Amino acid sequence: MLTALIALFNRDEEGQGLAEYALILALIAIVAIVALLFLGTAISTILSTIGAQI
């Protein structure tokens, strides 16, 4: 019984790694969206100024 339980946990390691990568990717996406929301107008202004000077 104990060996079957240990084998069950050993099988789930690949799924756990995939879930961790998905969580990291989701966190990076959330940070990028928040950064764009706060800095979007500033970046747009800077790019407009550069475009007008060219």
N, C-alpha and C. Protein backbone atom coordinates (compact mmCIF):
# COMPACT_ATOMS: atom_id res chain seq x y z
N MET A 1 0.83 -1.20 0.00
CA MET A 1 0.00 0.00 0.00
C MET A 1 0.87 1.26 0.00
N LEU A 2 1.90 1.28 0.83
CA LEU A 2 2.77 2.45 0.93
C LEU A 2 3.56 2.66 -0.35
N THR A 3 4.03 1.58 -0.96
CA THR A 3 4.79 1.72 -2.21
C THR A 3 3.89 2.21 -3.34
N ALA A 4 2.63 1.82 -3.34
CA ALA A 4 1.70 2.31 -4.36
C ALA A 4 1.46 3.80 -4.20
N LEU A 5 1.40 4.28 -2.98
CA LEU A 5 1.20 5.70 -2.71
C LEU A 5 2.43 6.50 -3.15
N ILE A 6 3.61 5.99 -2.87
CA ILE A 6 4.85 6.66 -3.29
C ILE A 6 4.94 6.69 -4.81
N ALA A 7 4.58 5.59 -5.46
CA ALA A 7 4.60 5.55 -6.92
C ALA A 7 3.61 6.55 -7.51
N LEU A 8 2.48 6.75 -6.86
CA LEU A 8 1.50 7.72 -7.33
C LEU A 8 2.06 9.14 -7.28
N PHE A 9 2.77 9.47 -6.21
CA PHE A 9 3.37 10.80 -6.10
C PHE A 9 4.50 10.99 -7.12
N ASN A 10 5.26 9.95 -7.39
CA ASN A 10 6.35 10.04 -8.36
C ASN A 10 5.83 10.27 -9.77
N ARG A 11 4.68 9.75 -10.10
CA ARG A 11 4.11 9.93 -11.43
C ARG A 11 3.64 11.35 -11.67
N ASP A 12 3.21 12.04 -10.63
CA ASP A 12 2.63 13.37 -10.78
C ASP A 12 3.66 14.49 -10.88
N GLU A 13 4.94 14.18 -10.83
CA GLU A 13 5.95 15.23 -10.85
C GLU A 13 5.98 15.99 -12.17
N GLU A 14 5.74 15.33 -13.29
CA GLU A 14 5.76 16.00 -14.58
C GLU A 14 4.62 17.01 -14.67
N GLY A 15 3.45 16.64 -14.20
CA GLY A 15 2.32 17.56 -14.21
C GLY A 15 2.54 18.74 -13.29
N GLN A 16 3.22 18.49 -12.19
CA GLN A 16 3.52 19.56 -11.24
C GLN A 16 4.47 20.57 -11.87
N GLY A 17 5.47 20.10 -12.58
CA GLY A 17 6.41 21.00 -13.25
C GLY A 17 5.72 21.85 -14.30
N LEU A 18 4.81 21.24 -15.04
CA LEU A 18 4.06 21.97 -16.05
C LEU A 18 3.18 23.03 -15.40
N ALA A 19 2.57 22.71 -14.28
CA ALA A 19 1.73 23.67 -13.58
C ALA A 19 2.57 24.84 -13.06
N GLU A 20 3.77 24.56 -12.60
CA GLU A 20 4.64 25.64 -12.12
C GLU A 20 5.04 26.57 -13.25
N TYR A 21 5.36 26.01 -14.41
CA TYR A 21 5.69 26.85 -15.57
C TYR A 21 4.49 27.69 -15.99
N ALA A 22 3.30 27.12 -15.93
CA ALA A 22 2.09 27.87 -16.28
C ALA A 22 1.86 29.02 -15.31
N LEU A 23 2.09 28.79 -14.03
CA LEU A 23 1.94 29.86 -13.04
C LEU A 23 2.96 30.97 -13.24
N ILE A 24 4.19 30.62 -13.55
CA ILE A 24 5.22 31.62 -13.82
C ILE A 24 4.85 32.44 -15.05
N LEU A 25 4.40 31.77 -16.10
CA LEU A 25 3.99 32.46 -17.32
C LEU A 25 2.82 33.40 -17.06
N ALA A 26 1.86 32.96 -16.27
CA ALA A 26 0.72 33.81 -15.93
C ALA A 26 1.16 35.02 -15.12
N LEU A 27 2.08 34.84 -14.20
CA LEU A 27 2.60 35.95 -13.40
C LEU A 27 3.32 36.97 -14.27
N ILE A 28 4.13 36.49 -15.21
CA ILE A 28 4.83 37.40 -16.12
C ILE A 28 3.83 38.17 -16.98
N ALA A 29 2.79 37.50 -17.44
CA ALA A 29 1.77 38.17 -18.26
C ALA A 29 1.04 39.24 -17.45
N ILE A 30 0.72 38.95 -16.21
CA ILE A 30 0.03 39.93 -15.36
C ILE A 30 0.91 41.14 -15.11
N VAL A 31 2.20 40.91 -14.84
CA VAL A 31 3.13 42.02 -14.62
C VAL A 31 3.26 42.87 -15.87
N ALA A 32 3.33 42.24 -17.04
CA ALA A 32 3.45 42.98 -18.29
C ALA A 32 2.19 43.82 -18.55
N ILE A 33 1.02 43.28 -18.28
CA ILE A 33 -0.22 44.01 -18.51
C ILE A 33 -0.32 45.19 -17.56
N VAL A 34 0.03 45.00 -16.30
CA VAL A 34 -0.01 46.10 -15.33
C VAL A 34 0.99 47.18 -15.71
N ALA A 35 2.17 46.79 -16.16
CA ALA A 35 3.18 47.78 -16.58
C ALA A 35 2.68 48.57 -17.77
N LEU A 36 2.04 47.91 -18.71
CA LEU A 36 1.52 48.63 -19.88
C LEU A 36 0.38 49.56 -19.49
N LEU A 37 -0.44 49.17 -18.54
CA LEU A 37 -1.53 50.03 -18.11
C LEU A 37 -1.00 51.31 -17.46
N PHE A 38 0.03 51.17 -16.62
CA PHE A 38 0.57 52.34 -15.92
C PHE A 38 1.48 53.18 -16.80
N LEU A 39 2.24 52.54 -17.68
CA LEU A 39 3.22 53.26 -18.47
C LEU A 39 2.79 53.48 -19.92
N GLY A 40 1.63 53.02 -20.28
CA GLY A 40 1.17 53.10 -21.67
C GLY A 40 1.12 54.50 -22.22
N THR A 41 0.55 55.43 -21.46
CA THR A 41 0.43 56.80 -21.96
C THR A 41 1.79 57.48 -22.03
N ALA A 42 2.66 57.20 -21.08
CA ALA A 42 4.00 57.79 -21.10
C ALA A 42 4.80 57.28 -22.30
N ILE A 43 4.72 56.00 -22.56
CA ILE A 43 5.42 55.43 -23.71
C ILE A 43 4.85 55.98 -25.01
N SER A 44 3.54 56.11 -25.09
CA SER A 44 2.90 56.66 -26.28
C SER A 44 3.34 58.10 -26.53
N THR A 45 3.45 58.89 -25.48
CA THR A 45 3.90 60.27 -25.61
C THR A 45 5.35 60.33 -26.11
N ILE A 46 6.20 59.49 -25.56
CA ILE A 46 7.60 59.48 -25.96
C ILE A 46 7.73 59.06 -27.44
N LEU A 47 6.99 58.03 -27.83
CA LEU A 47 7.07 57.59 -29.22
C LEU A 47 6.50 58.63 -30.18
N SER A 48 5.46 59.33 -29.76
CA SER A 48 4.90 60.40 -30.60
C SER A 48 5.90 61.54 -30.77
N THR A 49 6.60 61.89 -29.70
CA THR A 49 7.61 62.94 -29.76
C THR A 49 8.76 62.55 -30.69
N ILE A 50 9.21 61.32 -30.58
CA ILE A 50 10.29 60.83 -31.45
C ILE A 50 9.83 60.80 -32.90
N GLY A 51 8.61 60.36 -33.12
CA GLY A 51 8.07 60.31 -34.49
C GLY A 51 7.92 61.68 -35.09
N ALA A 52 7.54 62.66 -34.29
CA ALA A 52 7.38 64.04 -34.80
C ALA A 52 8.73 64.66 -35.13
N GLN A 53 9.77 64.32 -34.38
CA GLN A 53 11.09 64.88 -34.64
C GLN A 53 11.76 64.27 -35.87
N ILE A 54 11.37 63.09 -36.20
CA ILE A 54 11.94 62.42 -37.39
C ILE A 54 11.19 62.92 -38.58
